[in-house]
C-alpha atoms as a PDB file:
ATOM      1  CA  MET A   1     136.775 278.587 167.159  1.00  0.00           C
ATOM      2  CA  ARG A   2     135.421 275.037 166.934  1.00  0.00           C
ATOM      3  CA  LEU A   3     131.974 276.656 166.709  1.00  0.00           C
ATOM      4  CA  TYR A   4     132.798 278.251 163.346  1.00  0.00           C
ATOM      5  CA  PHE A   5     133.463 274.849 161.815  1.00  0.00           C
ATOM      6  CA  ALA A   6     130.330 273.350 163.350  1.00  0.00           C
ATOM      7  CA  LEU A   7     128.318 275.997 161.525  1.00  0.00           C
ATOM      8  CA  LEU A   8     129.288 274.312 158.275  1.00  0.00           C
ATOM      9  CA  LEU A   9     127.520 271.105 159.135  1.00  0.00           C
ATOM     10  CA  ILE A  10     124.563 270.471 159.409  1.00  0.00           C
ATOM     11  CA  VAL A  11     126.551 271.675 158.240  1.00  0.00           C
ATOM     12  CA  TYR A  12     123.812 277.218 144.469  1.00  0.00           C
ATOM     13  CA  ALA A  13     119.140 284.472 134.427  1.00  0.00           C
ATOM     14  CA  SER A  14     116.605 281.676 134.847  1.00  0.00           C
ATOM     15  CA  ASN A  15     117.691 278.228 133.762  1.00  0.00           C
ATOM     16  CA  THR A  16     115.920 275.048 134.834  1.00  0.00           C
ATOM     17  CA  PHE A  17     117.061 271.446 134.325  1.00  0.00           C
ATOM     18  CA  SER A  18     115.276 268.142 133.879  1.00  0.00           C
ATOM     19  CA  SER A  19     115.797 265.049 136.037  1.00  0.00           C
ATOM     20  CA  ASP A  20     118.050 263.639 133.307  1.00  0.00           C
ATOM     21  CA  THR A  21     120.405 266.605 133.661  1.00  0.00           C
ATOM     22  CA  GLN A  22     120.404 266.204 137.436  1.00  0.00           C
ATOM     23  CA  ILE A  23     121.394 262.541 137.169  1.00  0.00           C
ATOM     24  CA  LYS A  24     124.189 263.392 134.744  1.00  0.00           C
ATOM     25  CA  LEU A  25     125.705 265.893 137.160  1.00  0.00           C
ATOM     26  CA  LEU A  26     125.661 263.366 140.000  1.00  0.00           C
ATOM     27  CA  GLU A  27     127.270 260.786 137.749  1.00  0.00           C
ATOM     28  CA  THR A  28     130.106 263.058 136.659  1.00  0.00           C
ATOM     29  CA  GLY A  29     130.738 264.852 139.949  1.00  0.00           C
ATOM     30  CA  TYR A  30     131.894 268.426 140.542  1.00  0.00           C
ATOM     31  CA  ARG A  31     133.915 270.666 142.858  1.00  0.00           C
ATOM     32  CA  ALA A  32     132.785 273.908 144.459  1.00  0.00           C
ATOM     33  CA  ASP A  33     134.677 276.364 146.662  1.00  0.00           C
ATOM     34  CA  PHE A  34     133.108 278.391 149.483  1.00  0.00           C
ATOM     35  CA  LYS A  35     133.815 281.074 152.082  1.00  0.00           C
ATOM     36  CA  LEU A  36     132.321 281.013 155.566  1.00  0.00           C
ATOM     37  CA  TYR A  37     131.325 284.211 157.357  1.00  0.00           C
ATOM     38  CA  ALA A  38     130.267 284.447 161.028  1.00  0.00           C
ATOM     39  CA  SER A  39     128.588 287.656 162.178  1.00  0.00           C
ATOM     40  CA  GLY A  40     129.841 289.258 158.980  1.00  0.00           C
ATOM     41  CA  PHE A  41     133.509 288.281 159.428  1.00  0.00           C
ATOM     42  CA  LEU A  42     135.386 285.849 157.155  1.00  0.00           C
ATOM     43  CA  VAL A  43     136.390 282.825 159.266  1.00  0.00           C
ATOM     44  CA  ALA A  44     137.001 279.895 156.898  1.00  0.00           C
ATOM     45  CA  SER A  45     137.354 278.649 153.332  1.00  0.00           C
ATOM     46  CA  SER A  46     135.984 275.286 152.200  1.00  0.00           C
ATOM     47  CA  SER A  47     136.328 273.064 149.155  1.00  0.00           C
ATOM     48  CA  ARG A  48     133.607 270.505 148.412  1.00  0.00           C
ATOM     49  CA  GLN A  49     133.962 267.713 145.916  1.00  0.00           C
ATOM     50  CA  LEU A  50     131.506 265.077 144.723  1.00  0.00           C
ATOM     51  CA  ILE A  51     133.245 262.002 143.295  1.00  0.00           C
ATOM     52  CA  LYS A  52     131.780 258.926 141.618  1.00  0.00           C
ATOM     53  CA  GLN A  53     133.165 255.700 143.068  1.00  0.00           C
ATOM     54  CA  PRO A  54     132.690 252.055 141.925  1.00  0.00           C
ATOM     55  CA  GLU A  55     130.429 251.372 144.913  1.00  0.00           C
ATOM     56  CA  GLY A  56     128.526 254.646 144.959  1.00  0.00           C
ATOM     57  CA  MET A  57     129.181 258.341 145.539  1.00  0.00           C
ATOM     58  CA  GLU A  58     131.583 260.156 147.823  1.00  0.00           C
ATOM     59  CA  TYR A  59     131.223 263.757 149.009  1.00  0.00           C
ATOM     60  CA  ARG A  60     134.352 265.346 150.542  1.00  0.00           C
ATOM     61  CA  THR A  61     134.928 268.691 152.221  1.00  0.00           C
ATOM     62  CA  TYR A  62     138.147 270.340 153.366  1.00  0.00           C
ATOM     63  CA  THR A  63     137.894 273.451 155.520  1.00  0.00           C
ATOM     64  CA  THR A  64     140.628 275.740 156.867  1.00  0.00           C
ATOM     65  CA  PRO A  65     140.518 278.967 158.919  1.00  0.00           C
ATOM     66  CA  GLU A  66     140.653 282.343 157.170  1.00  0.00           C
ATOM     67  CA  GLY A  67     140.573 285.977 158.214  1.00  0.00           C
ATOM     68  CA  ILE A  68     140.307 286.683 161.951  1.00  0.00           C
ATOM     69  CA  ALA A  69     139.970 282.954 162.677  1.00  0.00           C
ATOM     70  CA  LYS A  70     143.663 282.499 161.785  1.00  0.00           C
ATOM     71  CA  TRP A  71     144.548 284.556 164.867  1.00  0.00           C
ATOM     72  CA  TYR A  72     143.043 281.906 167.127  1.00  0.00           C
ATOM     73  CA  THR A  73     143.352 278.509 165.468  1.00  0.00           C
ATOM     74  CA  SER A  74     145.045 276.440 162.777  1.00  0.00           C
ATOM     75  CA  ASP A  75     142.455 273.678 162.936  1.00  0.00           C
ATOM     76  CA  THR A  76     141.377 271.956 159.736  1.00  0.00           C
ATOM     77  CA  LEU A  77     138.138 270.083 159.217  1.00  0.00           C
ATOM     78  CA  VAL A  78     137.776 267.134 156.838  1.00  0.00           C
ATOM     79  CA  GLU A  79     134.402 265.490 156.191  1.00  0.00           C
ATOM     80  CA  LEU A  80     133.693 262.393 154.138  1.00  0.00           C
ATOM     81  CA  SER A  81     130.229 261.112 153.240  1.00  0.00           C
ATOM     82  CA  GLN A  82     129.602 257.909 151.311  1.00  0.00           C
ATOM     83  CA  PHE A  83     126.189 257.076 149.897  1.00  0.00           C
ATOM     84  CA  LYS A  84     124.359 255.410 147.046  1.00  0.00           C
ATOM     85  CA  ILE A  85     121.730 256.712 144.668  1.00  0.00           C
ATOM     86  CA  ASN A  86     119.054 254.293 143.499  1.00  0.00           C
ATOM     87  CA  LYS A  87     115.959 255.396 141.584  1.00  0.00           C
ATOM     88  CA  ASN A  88     116.547 259.028 142.542  1.00  0.00           C
ATOM     89  CA  GLN A  89     116.754 258.118 146.252  1.00  0.00           C
ATOM     90  CA  VAL A  90     119.886 258.935 148.240  1.00  0.00           C
ATOM     91  CA  SER A  91     120.838 256.159 150.639  1.00  0.00           C
ATOM     92  CA  ALA A  92     123.381 257.272 153.241  1.00  0.00           C
ATOM     93  CA  ARG A  93     126.119 254.768 154.201  1.00  0.00           C
ATOM     94  CA  THR A  94     128.873 256.368 156.262  1.00  0.00           C
ATOM     95  CA  TYR A  95     129.995 259.801 157.407  1.00  0.00           C
ATOM     96  CA  ARG A  96     133.276 260.845 159.036  1.00  0.00           C
ATOM     97  CA  TYR A  97     134.057 264.144 160.767  1.00  0.00           C
ATOM     98  CA  HIS A  98     137.717 264.834 161.574  1.00  0.00           C
ATOM     99  CA  GLN A  99     138.853 268.110 163.104  1.00  0.00           C
ATOM    100  CA  SER A 100     142.546 268.449 163.918  1.00  0.00           C
ATOM    101  CA  GLY A 101     145.149 271.115 164.596  1.00  0.00           C
ATOM    102  CA  ASP A 102     146.187 273.105 167.637  1.00  0.00           C
ATOM    103  CA  GLU A 103     143.022 272.266 169.573  1.00  0.00           C
ATOM    104  CA  GLN A 104     141.929 268.862 170.826  1.00  0.00           C
ATOM    105  CA  GLU A 105     141.385 266.441 167.953  1.00  0.00           C
ATOM    106  CA  LYS A 106     137.779 265.434 167.346  1.00  0.00           C
ATOM    107  CA  ILE A 107     136.690 262.425 165.294  1.00  0.00           C
ATOM    108  CA  VAL A 108     133.101 261.296 164.830  1.00  0.00           C
ATOM    109  CA  ASN A 109     132.059 258.332 162.707  1.00  0.00           C
ATOM    110  CA  ILE A 110     128.449 257.672 161.704  1.00  0.00           C
ATOM    111  CA  GLU A 111     127.143 254.459 160.185  1.00  0.00           C
ATOM    112  CA  PHE A 112     123.765 254.063 158.467  1.00  0.00           C
ATOM    113  CA  ASP A 113     122.868 250.377 158.799  1.00  0.00           C
ATOM    114  CA  GLN A 114     120.393 249.815 155.952  1.00  0.00           C
ATOM    115  CA  THR A 115     119.784 246.202 157.042  1.00  0.00           C
ATOM    116  CA  GLN A 116     118.935 246.803 160.692  1.00  0.00           C
ATOM    117  CA  LYS A 117     117.493 250.259 159.975  1.00  0.00           C
ATOM    118  CA  LYS A 118     119.661 251.913 162.603  1.00  0.00           C
ATOM    119  CA  VAL A 119     121.985 254.922 162.716  1.00  0.00           C
ATOM    120  CA  ARG A 120     125.090 254.574 164.897  1.00  0.00           C
ATOM    121  CA  LEU A 121     127.183 257.533 166.099  1.00  0.00           C
ATOM    122  CA  SER A 122     130.597 256.761 167.534  1.00  0.00           C
ATOM    123  CA  THR A 123     129.990 259.350 170.266  1.00  0.00           C
ATOM    124  CA  GLU A 124     126.767 257.789 171.552  1.00  0.00           C
ATOM    125  CA  LYS A 125     125.876 254.432 173.094  1.00  0.00           C
ATOM    126  CA  LYS A 126     122.301 254.467 171.849  1.00  0.00           C
ATOM    127  CA  MET A 127     121.237 253.917 168.236  1.00  0.00           C
ATOM    128  CA  HIS A 128     118.762 256.003 166.297  1.00  0.00           C
ATOM    129  CA  PRO A 129     116.059 254.651 163.966  1.00  0.00           C
ATOM    130  CA  LEU A 130     116.899 254.843 160.258  1.00  0.00           C
ATOM    131  CA  HIS A 131     114.056 256.307 158.175  1.00  0.00           C
ATOM    132  CA  PRO A 132     113.803 256.690 154.379  1.00  0.00           C
ATOM    133  CA  GLU A 133     114.586 260.399 154.913  1.00  0.00           C
ATOM    134  CA  SER A 134     117.645 259.921 157.185  1.00  0.00           C
ATOM    135  CA  TYR A 135     120.910 261.500 156.023  1.00  0.00           C
ATOM    136  CA  ASP A 136     124.204 262.885 157.206  1.00  0.00           C
ATOM    137  CA  ALA A 137     125.008 266.580 156.872  1.00  0.00           C
ATOM    138  CA  LEU A 138     126.550 266.155 153.396  1.00  0.00           C
ATOM    139  CA  SER A 139     124.428 263.473 151.741  1.00  0.00           C
ATOM    140  CA  PHE A 140     121.361 265.535 152.713  1.00  0.00           C
ATOM    141  CA  GLN A 141     122.482 268.341 150.423  1.00  0.00           C
ATOM    142  CA  ILE A 142     122.605 265.922 147.464  1.00  0.00           C
ATOM    143  CA  ALA A 143     119.161 264.597 148.416  1.00  0.00           C
ATOM    144  CA  LEU A 144     117.862 268.178 148.567  1.00  0.00           C
ATOM    145  CA  MET A 145     119.098 268.810 145.017  1.00  0.00           C
ATOM    146  CA  GLN A 146     117.166 265.779 143.799  1.00  0.00           C
ATOM    147  CA  LYS A 147     114.005 266.643 145.691  1.00  0.00           C
ATOM    148  CA  LEU A 148     113.927 270.176 144.301  1.00  0.00           C
ATOM    149  CA  THR A 149     114.375 268.771 140.789  1.00  0.00           C
ATOM    150  CA  GLN A 150     111.371 266.516 141.451  1.00  0.00           C
ATOM    151  CA  GLY A 151     109.275 269.494 142.574  1.00  0.00           C
ATOM    152  CA  GLU A 152     108.837 268.641 146.260  1.00  0.00           C
ATOM    153  CA  LYS A 153     107.623 271.533 148.439  1.00  0.00           C
ATOM    154  CA  SER A 154     107.686 270.274 152.044  1.00  0.00           C
ATOM    155  CA  LEU A 155     109.928 267.745 153.822  1.00  0.00           C
ATOM    156  CA  VAL A 156     110.439 266.245 157.258  1.00  0.00           C
ATOM    157  CA  ILE A 157     113.962 264.767 157.504  1.00  0.00           C
ATOM    158  CA  ASP A 158     116.503 263.454 160.010  1.00  0.00           C
ATOM    159  CA  ILE A 159     120.128 264.595 159.821  1.00  0.00           C
ATOM    160  CA  ALA A 160     123.045 263.107 161.757  1.00  0.00           C
ATOM    161  CA  ASP A 161     126.175 265.163 162.366  1.00  0.00           C
ATOM    162  CA  GLN A 162     128.978 265.327 164.928  1.00  0.00           C
ATOM    163  CA  ASN A 163     126.550 266.703 167.522  1.00  0.00           C
ATOM    164  CA  GLY A 164     123.866 264.027 167.237  1.00  0.00           C
ATOM    165  CA  MET A 165     120.687 263.199 165.300  1.00  0.00           C
ATOM    166  CA  PHE A 166     118.136 265.944 164.677  1.00  0.00           C
ATOM    167  CA  SER A 167     114.787 266.202 162.936  1.00  0.00           C
ATOM    168  CA  TYR A 168     114.041 269.112 160.598  1.00  0.00           C
ATOM    169  CA  HIS A 169     111.058 270.496 158.797  1.00  0.00           C
ATOM    170  CA  ALA A 170     111.932 271.975 155.410  1.00  0.00           C
ATOM    171  CA  GLN A 171     109.683 274.298 153.417  1.00  0.00           C
ATOM    172  CA  VAL A 172     110.392 275.244 149.800  1.00  0.00           C
ATOM    173  CA  GLY A 173     109.798 278.916 149.051  1.00  0.00           C
ATOM    174  CA  GLU A 174     109.937 281.142 145.989  1.00  0.00           C
ATOM    175  CA  ILE A 175     112.578 281.652 143.321  1.00  0.00           C
ATOM    176  CA  GLU A 176     114.986 284.376 144.434  1.00  0.00           C
ATOM    177  CA  GLN A 177     117.752 286.052 142.431  1.00  0.00           C
ATOM    178  CA  ILE A 178     121.044 286.540 144.312  1.00  0.00           C
ATOM    179  CA  GLN A 179     124.462 287.950 143.433  1.00  0.00           C
ATOM    180  CA  THR A 180     127.434 285.634 143.992  1.00  0.00           C
ATOM    181  CA  ASP A 181     131.104 285.455 143.025  1.00  0.00           C
ATOM    182  CA  ILE A 182     130.117 283.197 140.120  1.00  0.00           C
ATOM    183  CA  GLY A 183     127.464 285.638 138.870  1.00  0.00           C
ATOM    184  CA  MET A 184     123.817 286.529 139.317  1.00  0.00           C
ATOM    185  CA  LEU A 185     121.848 283.328 139.970  1.00  0.00           C
ATOM    186  CA  ASN A 186     118.218 282.360 140.150  1.00  0.00           C
ATOM    187  CA  THR A 187     117.821 280.195 143.242  1.00  0.00           C
ATOM    188  CA  GLN A 188     115.135 278.134 144.888  1.00  0.00           C
ATOM    189  CA  LYS A 189     114.924 279.267 148.516  1.00  0.00           C
ATOM    190  CA  VAL A 190     114.456 276.553 151.138  1.00  0.00           C
ATOM    191  CA  GLN A 191     114.006 277.165 154.881  1.00  0.00           C
ATOM    192  CA  MET A 192     114.725 274.328 157.276  1.00  0.00           C
ATOM    193  CA  THR A 193     113.950 274.443 161.007  1.00  0.00           C
ATOM    194  CA  ASN A 194     115.493 272.195 163.660  1.00  0.00           C
ATOM    195  CA  ILE A 195     112.444 270.828 165.480  1.00  0.00           C
ATOM    196  CA  THR A 196     114.399 270.407 168.734  1.00  0.00           C
ATOM    197  CA  ASN A 197     116.231 273.722 169.183  1.00  0.00           C
ATOM    198  CA  GLY A 198     114.638 276.045 166.627  1.00  0.00           C
ATOM    199  CA  ASN A 199     117.849 276.740 164.693  1.00  0.00           C
ATOM    200  CA  LEU A 200     116.979 277.949 161.186  1.00  0.00           C
ATOM    201  CA  PHE A 201     118.868 277.027 158.013  1.00  0.00           C
ATOM    202  CA  THR A 202     118.139 278.843 154.768  1.00  0.00           C
ATOM    203  CA  PHE A 203     119.407 277.312 151.503  1.00  0.00           C
ATOM    204  CA  TRP A 204     119.610 279.164 148.193  1.00  0.00           C
ATOM    205  CA  CYS A 205     119.829 276.433 145.527  1.00  0.00           C
ATOM    206  CA  ALA A 206     120.821 277.544 142.016  1.00  0.00           C
ATOM    207  CA  THR A 207     118.642 276.274 139.194  1.00  0.00           C
ATOM    208  CA  LYS A 208     121.570 276.754 136.810  1.00  0.00           C
ATOM    209  CA  TYR A 209     123.599 274.180 138.736  1.00  0.00           C
ATOM    210  CA  ASN A 210     120.905 271.555 139.269  1.00  0.00           C
ATOM    211  CA  TYR A 211     119.810 273.147 142.558  1.00  0.00           C
ATOM    212  CA  LEU A 212     123.271 273.043 144.088  1.00  0.00           C
ATOM    213  CA  PRO A 213     123.204 275.065 147.378  1.00  0.00           C
ATOM    214  CA  VAL A 214     125.295 278.153 146.631  1.00  0.00           C
ATOM    215  CA  ARG A 215     124.456 280.002 149.842  1.00  0.00           C
ATOM    216  CA  ILE A 216     123.597 278.518 153.236  1.00  0.00           C
ATOM    217  CA  ARG A 217     122.649 280.680 156.201  1.00  0.00           C
ATOM    218  CA  LEU A 218     122.411 279.413 159.810  1.00  0.00           C
ATOM    219  CA  GLU A 219     120.611 281.418 162.476  1.00  0.00           C
ATOM    220  CA  ARG A 220     121.267 279.936 165.933  1.00  0.00           C
ATOM    221  CA  GLN A 221     118.469 280.630 168.397  1.00  0.00           C
ATOM    222  CA  GLU A 222     120.438 280.398 171.662  1.00  0.00           C
ATOM    223  CA  SER A 223     123.592 282.353 170.764  1.00  0.00           C
ATOM    224  CA  GLY A 224     122.141 284.603 168.097  1.00  0.00           C
ATOM    225  CA  ILE A 225     125.169 283.924 165.880  1.00  0.00           C
ATOM    226  CA  ASP A 226     124.390 284.336 162.202  1.00  0.00           C
ATOM    227  CA  SER A 227     126.697 282.527 159.747  1.00  0.00           C
ATOM    228  CA  ILE A 228     126.722 282.326 155.948  1.00  0.00           C
ATOM    229  CA  LEU A 229     128.499 279.846 153.698  1.00  0.00           C
ATOM    230  CA  GLU A 230     128.723 281.213 150.133  1.00  0.00           C
ATOM    231  CA  ILE A 231     130.083 279.837 146.891  1.00  0.00           C
ATOM    232  CA  THR A 232     133.127 281.458 145.299  1.00  0.00           C
ATOM    233  CA  ALA A 233     133.867 279.034 142.420  1.00  0.00           C
ATOM    234  CA  PHE A 234     132.287 276.092 140.593  1.00  0.00           C
ATOM    235  CA  HIS A 235     134.386 273.622 138.637  1.00  0.00           C
ATOM    236  CA  HIS A 236     132.902 271.443 135.939  1.00  0.00           C
ATOM    237  CA  PRO A 237     134.087 267.812 136.203  1.00  0.00           C
ATOM    238  CA  MET A 238     136.195 268.203 133.059  1.00  0.00           C
ATOM    239  CA  THR A 239     138.285 270.927 134.765  1.00  0.00           C
ATOM    240  CA  LEU A 240     138.849 269.153 138.065  1.00  0.00           C
ATOM    241  CA  PRO A 241     142.557 269.035 139.001  1.00  0.00           C
END
């Protein structure tokens, strides 16, 4: 069942917003709730919260098993990403992955050393080069929101997660209307391919919510498992508990 949680890593009526609106959302923060489906079956629920801190931004996720997954595991997954935003550029700082429960505990810490230009994973002895487009699995999604606001169409990025560091090629597609639990949304479709293993991510990013990813699909080339993470609720900062 650990696989279901890994799928989250690496891993939101036409209404467009200006860069000023985008910055305001990142300054105020938000919370969004999601459901995760694997091969069509509900396996987890996840809450994601962006919080403004004195030294930057913090993105937290909390994921628990649902549906058939409850028959096999009680594991919970907590992720924490800390980063800064300067001149519309996301600068990753740290990322923590903590899975615990009835299976073996797994903790992975990742540090983005902006001085030495290195990325350190607690699970690896070697260090990876830090590029301007290097992110963790969560800070990348905030960077993607900014880049779509700025009109970018093609990206080559590095993403570090609990499995290692991977390079991706992202291509921005057309506007696509999708039905979600929070209504019919116009979304910018983005396809992102893992250059190493061919895994394909597809993001549907809602223009109404500053290009927040409201649906994320992962197609794994080796196993053929198809998973979808989909939004179920969006909470404006003023209504956060």
